[in-house]
């Protein structure tokens, strides 16, 4: 390939840097030594793109012997969604611009971030999401790992999607699969969960705890790569808009924070997310559709206040569907922000 190029442009050989782009090159046997040799012997810069499950960053680092940098690509963020529609969202928003942004968020809430489905009608969007789901299961998991019992991994994926933003344990998942007649040991279930994450499909969030052992053994929470895909694939029995809102906050955070945790106070109150906010501090983030109902408000504010006290922090964020407020309590500040604004501010 290189020699064919230089035969056309001999004047560029070892003079100008040449940029080489290879898409899905992992489908060709023996691509690794070819690319490594190209980088080593020619004056060129190489870009590789491909399926995440067949081209994991850790594998690329090994194959390229430390000469590679990896980037994660996610479905569109809300900011990227706005950019694709030509909607300006930088700086202070006028009333008109804010109305445009909020209307666009309603579309983003329905369609999710996969570019291909943005202009499809509801029926085709759901069908496309379901095709994505099955492609991940059977191409990125079953085929890649030569899974002998694909029905077990499919049943597990459906259970996890149905329980998005909920707690799970490996023991519970193993018992569930065994109740369906699958002979899946705990070790296999642990592998399946790791493969889901490698495929950028389902993500697990651990509890925030100074003890790594406790963090690993406590129940984890599960989230999906795209909230609209959850809507298209789930049975609809257990999923509600609160779960989807929490999932959307997770994917927004995951783009910028590889390490995300949830937190439980000493009295058992749960805070949805704890993330690094700057080099010196962390930020607790709670997700609640609305604080309009007095009991809900009392519960959520108490949980955040308690978490801030235990963590020695002065401020936290509460993400809602559309409310804005600043709550001062016991010398601490809880900033209540609507989801659309939150997603733009963390971009």
Protein backbone atom coordinates (compact mmCIF):
# COMPACT_ATOMS: atom_id res chain seq x y z
CA UNK A 1 0.00 0.00 0.00
CA UNK A 2 2.74 2.46 0.99
CA UNK A 3 4.86 1.69 -2.03
CA UNK A 4 1.87 2.13 -4.35
CA UNK A 5 1.27 5.58 -2.85
CA UNK A 6 4.92 6.62 -3.12
CA UNK A 7 5.08 5.39 -6.73
CA UNK A 8 2.42 8.03 -7.49
CA UNK A 9 4.06 10.71 -5.32
CA UNK A 10 7.79 9.85 -5.12
CA UNK A 11 8.68 13.40 -4.12
CA UNK A 12 6.89 12.91 -0.78
CA UNK A 13 8.83 9.84 0.37
CA UNK A 14 10.55 10.60 3.69
CA UNK A 15 9.98 14.33 3.06
CA UNK A 16 6.36 15.15 3.89
CA UNK A 17 4.36 13.52 6.65
CA UNK A 18 1.65 11.29 5.15
CA UNK A 19 -1.64 10.70 6.97
CA UNK A 20 -3.11 7.19 6.72
CA UNK A 21 -6.71 6.42 7.73
CA UNK A 22 -7.89 2.81 8.18
CA UNK A 23 -11.47 1.95 9.10
CA UNK A 24 -12.35 -1.53 10.45
CA UNK A 25 -8.81 -2.70 9.72
CA UNK A 26 -9.16 -5.28 12.50
CA UNK A 27 -11.16 -7.39 10.04
CA UNK A 28 -7.92 -8.13 8.16
CA UNK A 29 -5.71 -10.85 9.65
CA UNK A 30 -2.20 -9.65 10.41
CA UNK A 31 -2.96 -5.92 10.33
CA UNK A 32 -0.96 -5.22 13.51
CA UNK A 33 2.60 -5.81 12.19
CA UNK A 34 1.71 -3.95 8.98
CA UNK A 35 0.60 -0.81 10.84
CA UNK A 36 3.46 -1.04 13.33
CA UNK A 37 5.98 -1.31 10.47
CA UNK A 38 4.34 1.60 8.65
CA UNK A 39 4.70 3.79 11.73
CA UNK A 40 8.26 2.67 12.35
CA UNK A 41 9.71 2.88 8.83
CA UNK A 42 7.69 5.59 7.08
CA UNK A 43 7.13 9.25 7.84
CA UNK A 44 3.42 8.93 8.46
CA UNK A 45 0.69 9.36 11.05
CA UNK A 46 -1.86 6.54 11.29
CA UNK A 47 -5.51 6.76 12.39
CA UNK A 48 -7.45 3.56 13.12
CA UNK A 49 -11.20 3.36 13.67
CA UNK A 50 -13.30 0.30 14.32
CA UNK A 51 -15.76 -1.59 16.47
CA UNK A 52 -14.97 -1.01 20.12
CA UNK A 53 -15.38 -4.67 21.04
CA UNK A 54 -12.94 -5.79 18.34
CA UNK A 55 -10.51 -2.92 18.82
CA UNK A 56 -10.27 -2.23 22.53
CA UNK A 57 -7.98 0.59 23.63
CA UNK A 58 -6.01 -1.75 25.89
CA UNK A 59 -5.41 -4.12 22.99
CA UNK A 60 -4.37 -1.30 20.67
CA UNK A 61 -1.87 -0.10 23.29
CA UNK A 62 -0.36 -3.58 23.43
CA UNK A 63 -0.31 -4.16 19.67
CA UNK A 64 1.15 -0.74 18.93
CA UNK A 65 3.76 -1.15 21.70
CA UNK A 66 2.92 2.08 23.43
CA UNK A 67 2.93 4.20 20.28
CA UNK A 68 -0.83 4.84 20.22
CA UNK A 69 -3.33 7.26 21.73
CA UNK A 70 -6.97 6.21 22.03
CA UNK A 71 -10.18 8.26 21.97
CA UNK A 72 -13.63 7.14 23.08
CA UNK A 73 -16.55 7.94 20.79
CA UNK A 74 -20.06 8.09 22.24
CA UNK A 75 -23.46 8.84 20.72
CA UNK A 76 -24.12 12.57 20.38
CA UNK A 77 -24.10 14.59 23.58
CA UNK A 78 -26.84 17.21 23.86
CA UNK A 79 -24.31 19.86 22.78
CA UNK A 80 -23.39 17.82 19.70
CA UNK A 81 -27.09 17.28 19.01
CA UNK A 82 -27.59 21.06 19.05
CA UNK A 83 -24.54 21.55 16.82
CA UNK A 84 -25.93 19.08 14.29
CA UNK A 85 -29.10 21.18 14.11
CA UNK A 86 -27.24 24.49 13.91
CA UNK A 87 -28.66 25.73 17.22
CA UNK A 88 -26.42 28.19 19.07
CA UNK A 89 -26.00 27.49 22.78
CA UNK A 90 -22.79 29.28 23.76
CA UNK A 91 -22.78 32.08 26.33
CA UNK A 92 -25.85 33.70 27.83
CA UNK A 93 -29.04 32.51 26.16
CA UNK A 94 -31.72 35.00 25.18
CA UNK A 95 -35.33 34.02 25.85
CA UNK A 96 -35.75 32.97 22.22
CA UNK A 97 -32.56 30.90 22.17
CA UNK A 98 -33.50 29.24 25.44
CA UNK A 99 -36.87 28.26 23.97
CA UNK A 100 -35.10 26.77 20.93
CA UNK A 101 -32.70 24.83 23.16
CA UNK A 102 -35.50 23.49 25.35
CA UNK A 103 -37.51 22.45 22.31
CA UNK A 104 -34.43 20.68 20.92
CA UNK A 105 -33.98 18.89 24.23
CA UNK A 106 -37.50 17.48 23.85
CA UNK A 107 -36.35 15.96 20.54
CA UNK A 108 -33.11 14.69 22.09
CA UNK A 109 -35.11 13.11 24.91
CA UNK A 110 -37.16 11.19 22.35
CA UNK A 111 -34.47 10.22 19.83
CA UNK A 112 -31.32 9.84 21.90
CA UNK A 113 -27.82 10.44 20.58
CA UNK A 114 -27.32 7.94 17.76
CA UNK A 115 -27.03 10.13 14.62
CA UNK A 116 -28.63 7.57 12.29
CA UNK A 117 -31.96 7.57 14.15
CA UNK A 118 -32.37 11.32 14.59
CA UNK A 119 -34.49 11.87 11.48
CA UNK A 120 -36.40 8.58 11.57
CA UNK A 121 -40.03 8.26 12.59
CA UNK A 122 -40.76 6.56 15.89
CA UNK A 123 -41.37 3.09 14.44
CA UNK A 124 -38.13 3.05 12.43
CA UNK A 125 -36.18 4.56 15.32
CA UNK A 126 -37.28 1.77 17.65
CA UNK A 127 -36.48 -0.87 15.03
CA UNK A 128 -33.02 0.62 14.42
CA UNK A 129 -32.27 0.72 18.16
CA UNK A 130 -33.29 -2.91 18.42
CA UNK A 131 -30.97 -3.78 15.53
CA UNK A 132 -28.13 -2.02 17.38
CA UNK A 133 -28.95 -4.06 20.48
CA UNK A 134 -28.80 -7.37 18.61
CA UNK A 135 -25.66 -6.36 16.69
CA UNK A 136 -23.84 -5.65 19.96
CA UNK A 137 -25.01 -8.91 21.50
CA UNK A 138 -24.17 -11.23 18.64
CA UNK A 139 -21.27 -9.50 16.89
CA UNK A 140 -19.44 -7.84 19.76
CA UNK A 141 -20.12 -10.40 22.47
CA UNK A 142 -21.27 -13.83 21.24
CA UNK A 143 -19.02 -14.01 18.16
CA UNK A 144 -16.02 -12.25 19.65
CA UNK A 145 -15.96 -14.37 22.81
CA UNK A 146 -17.35 -17.56 21.22
CA UNK A 147 -20.13 -17.76 23.84
CA UNK A 148 -21.50 -21.34 23.91
CA UNK A 149 -24.92 -20.31 25.31
CA UNK A 150 -25.94 -17.04 23.60
CA UNK A 151 -29.48 -17.18 25.05
CA UNK A 152 -28.06 -16.67 28.56
CA UNK A 153 -26.20 -13.50 27.60
CA UNK A 154 -29.26 -12.19 25.70
CA UNK A 155 -31.54 -12.81 28.70
CA UNK A 156 -29.04 -11.08 30.98
CA UNK A 157 -28.83 -8.06 28.65
CA UNK A 158 -32.63 -7.74 28.57
CA UNK A 159 -32.81 -7.92 32.38
CA UNK A 160 -30.14 -5.24 32.77
CA UNK A 161 -31.78 -2.90 30.25
CA UNK A 162 -35.13 -3.40 31.99
CA UNK A 163 -33.44 -2.46 35.28
CA UNK A 164 -31.48 0.55 34.05
CA UNK A 165 -30.43 2.88 36.90
CA UNK A 166 -31.10 0.11 39.44
CA UNK A 167 -28.88 -1.90 41.76
CA UNK A 168 -27.72 -5.41 40.94
CA UNK A 169 -25.37 -8.02 42.37
CA UNK A 170 -23.62 -10.88 40.58
CA UNK A 171 -25.32 -13.34 42.94
CA UNK A 172 -28.75 -11.98 42.05
CA UNK A 173 -28.02 -12.07 38.31
CA UNK A 174 -26.69 -15.62 38.56
CA UNK A 175 -29.81 -16.71 40.42
CA UNK A 176 -31.99 -15.03 37.80
CA UNK A 177 -30.29 -16.83 34.90
CA UNK A 178 -30.44 -20.14 36.75
CA UNK A 179 -34.15 -19.62 37.35
CA UNK A 180 -34.52 -19.46 33.56
CA UNK A 181 -32.71 -22.77 33.19
CA UNK A 182 -29.28 -21.41 32.20
CA UNK A 183 -26.23 -23.12 33.68
CA UNK A 184 -24.28 -19.90 34.10
CA UNK A 185 -21.82 -19.80 37.03
CA UNK A 186 -20.97 -16.56 38.80
CA UNK A 187 -17.65 -16.36 36.95
CA UNK A 188 -19.46 -16.39 33.60
CA UNK A 189 -21.88 -13.65 34.73
CA UNK A 190 -18.92 -11.51 35.84
CA UNK A 191 -17.35 -12.03 32.41
CA UNK A 192 -20.58 -11.05 30.65
CA UNK A 193 -20.75 -7.79 32.64
CA UNK A 194 -17.16 -6.95 31.73
CA UNK A 195 -17.85 -7.69 28.04
CA UNK A 196 -20.92 -5.41 28.06
CA UNK A 197 -18.68 -2.59 29.29
CA UNK A 198 -15.93 -3.38 26.76
CA UNK A 199 -18.57 -3.10 24.02
CA UNK A 200 -19.64 0.35 25.33
CA UNK A 201 -23.16 -0.96 25.80
CA UNK A 202 -23.83 -1.31 29.53
CA UNK A 203 -21.83 0.31 32.34
CA UNK A 204 -21.57 -0.56 36.03
CA UNK A 205 -21.17 2.06 38.77
CA UNK A 206 -19.64 1.07 42.12
CA UNK A 207 -20.39 2.50 45.54
CA UNK A 208 -18.06 5.24 46.76
CA UNK A 209 -16.07 3.71 49.61
CA UNK A 210 -12.52 4.08 50.92
CA UNK A 211 -12.32 0.28 51.08
CA UNK A 212 -11.79 -1.23 47.62
CA UNK A 213 -13.07 -4.58 48.90
CA UNK A 214 -16.36 -3.04 50.08
CA UNK A 215 -16.65 -1.06 46.87
CA UNK A 216 -16.29 -4.22 44.79
CA UNK A 217 -18.60 -6.44 46.86
CA UNK A 218 -21.48 -3.99 47.37
CA UNK A 219 -24.29 -3.98 44.78
CA UNK A 220 -23.56 -1.93 41.67
CA UNK A 221 -25.83 0.21 39.49
CA UNK A 222 -26.31 -0.41 35.78
CA UNK A 223 -26.61 2.17 33.00
CA UNK A 224 -26.93 2.00 29.22
CA UNK A 225 -25.03 3.88 26.50
CA UNK A 226 -28.19 5.69 25.34
CA UNK A 227 -31.42 6.49 27.18
CA UNK A 228 -33.59 6.30 24.04
CA UNK A 229 -32.18 2.87 23.19
CA UNK A 230 -33.36 1.75 26.65
CA UNK A 231 -36.85 2.94 25.76
CA UNK A 232 -36.77 1.05 22.46
CA UNK A 233 -35.41 -2.22 23.84
CA UNK A 234 -36.88 -2.55 27.33
CA UNK A 235 -40.15 -4.28 28.10
CA UNK A 236 -41.45 -0.98 29.52
CA UNK A 237 -42.67 -2.60 32.73
CA UNK A 238 -39.91 -1.41 35.08
CA UNK A 239 -38.48 1.59 33.23
CA UNK A 240 -39.90 5.04 33.93
CA UNK A 241 -38.90 8.59 33.00
CA UNK A 242 -37.00 8.96 36.28
CA UNK A 243 -34.74 6.04 35.33
CA UNK A 244 -34.21 7.48 31.86
CA UNK A 245 -33.36 10.89 33.32
CA UNK A 246 -30.79 9.31 35.63
CA UNK A 247 -29.34 7.34 32.71
CA UNK A 248 -29.04 10.55 30.68
CA UNK A 249 -27.14 12.24 33.51
CA UNK A 250 -24.84 9.20 33.69
CA UNK A 251 -23.98 9.25 29.98
CA UNK A 252 -23.35 13.00 30.19
CA UNK A 253 -20.93 12.44 33.06
CA UNK A 254 -19.31 9.35 31.55
CA UNK A 255 -18.09 11.34 28.54
CA UNK A 256 -15.82 13.36 30.80
CA UNK A 257 -15.34 11.18 33.91
CA UNK A 258 -14.20 7.55 33.50
CA UNK A 259 -14.58 7.00 37.26
CA UNK A 260 -18.13 7.54 38.52
CA UNK A 261 -19.54 6.26 41.82
CA UNK A 262 -22.79 6.34 43.75
CA UNK A 263 -22.94 7.08 47.47
CA UNK A 264 -24.88 5.77 50.44
CA UNK A 265 -25.08 7.76 53.65
CA UNK A 266 -24.72 6.13 57.06
CA UNK A 267 -28.51 6.09 57.40
CA UNK A 268 -28.95 4.41 54.00
CA UNK A 269 -29.90 7.43 51.89
CA UNK A 270 -28.62 7.19 48.33
CA UNK A 271 -26.92 9.83 46.19
CA UNK A 272 -26.93 8.87 42.52
CA UNK A 273 -23.45 10.04 41.53
CA UNK A 274 -20.13 11.18 42.99
CA UNK A 275 -17.64 12.50 40.42
CA UNK A 276 -14.31 14.39 40.47
CA UNK A 277 -15.13 18.08 40.00
CA UNK A 278 -11.67 19.59 40.26
CA UNK A 279 -8.28 18.32 41.48
CA UNK A 280 -9.18 19.03 45.11
CA UNK A 281 -12.87 18.15 45.35
CA UNK A 282 -15.73 15.85 44.37
CA UNK A 283 -19.28 16.70 43.45
CA UNK A 284 -22.35 14.77 44.62
CA UNK A 285 -25.12 14.79 42.03
CA UNK A 286 -28.69 13.74 42.71
CA UNK A 287 -31.29 13.15 39.99
CA UNK A 288 -34.95 13.88 40.70
CA UNK A 289 -37.66 14.56 38.13
CA UNK A 290 -39.33 17.22 40.26
CA UNK A 291 -39.14 18.75 43.72
CA UNK A 292 -42.72 20.04 43.56
CA UNK A 293 -44.13 17.34 45.86
CA UNK A 294 -43.28 18.28 49.49
CA UNK A 295 -42.38 14.75 50.63
CA UNK A 296 -40.10 14.23 47.65
CA UNK A 297 -38.41 17.57 48.27
CA UNK A 298 -37.88 16.81 51.95
CA UNK A 299 -36.42 13.35 51.17
CA UNK A 300 -34.05 14.49 48.43
CA UNK A 301 -32.79 17.59 50.25
CA UNK A 302 -32.20 15.55 53.43
CA UNK A 303 -30.22 12.93 51.50
CA UNK A 304 -28.01 15.55 49.85
CA UNK A 305 -27.49 17.47 53.11
CA UNK A 306 -26.48 14.30 54.91
CA UNK A 307 -24.08 13.27 52.12
CA UNK A 308 -22.44 16.70 52.04
CA UNK A 309 -21.91 16.59 55.80
CA UNK A 310 -20.36 13.12 55.71
CA UNK A 311 -18.11 13.97 52.77
CA UNK A 312 -17.05 17.33 54.18
CA UNK A 313 -18.35 19.20 51.13
CA UNK A 314 -20.14 22.55 50.87
CA UNK A 315 -22.14 22.13 47.66
CA UNK A 316 -24.01 19.60 45.57
CA UNK A 317 -26.10 19.51 42.41
CA UNK A 318 -29.64 18.28 41.98
CA UNK A 319 -30.72 17.64 38.37
CA UNK A 320 -34.44 17.90 37.58
CA UNK A 321 -36.57 17.75 34.47
CA UNK A 322 -37.13 21.51 34.38
CA UNK A 323 -36.69 23.28 37.73
CA UNK A 324 -34.11 25.89 38.73
CA UNK A 325 -33.44 26.82 42.36
CA UNK A 326 -30.72 27.49 44.91
CA UNK A 327 -31.27 25.79 48.28
CA UNK A 328 -29.26 26.93 51.31
CA UNK A 329 -29.23 24.49 54.22
CA UNK A 330 -26.94 24.23 57.25
CA UNK A 331 -24.27 26.37 55.60
CA UNK A 332 -24.33 24.26 52.42
CA UNK A 333 -25.64 24.99 48.93
CA UNK A 334 -27.69 22.69 46.71
CA UNK A 335 -27.91 23.96 43.15
CA UNK A 336 -31.08 22.72 41.43
CA UNK A 337 -30.69 22.75 37.63
CA UNK A 338 -32.80 21.52 34.70
CA UNK A 339 -31.35 18.60 32.77
CA UNK A 340 -30.82 20.53 29.53
CA UNK A 341 -28.74 23.17 31.27
CA UNK A 342 -26.77 20.60 33.25
CA UNK A 343 -25.81 18.73 30.07
CA UNK A 344 -24.61 21.93 28.43
CA UNK A 345 -22.63 23.08 31.46
CA UNK A 346 -20.66 19.84 31.84
CA UNK A 347 -19.89 19.57 28.11
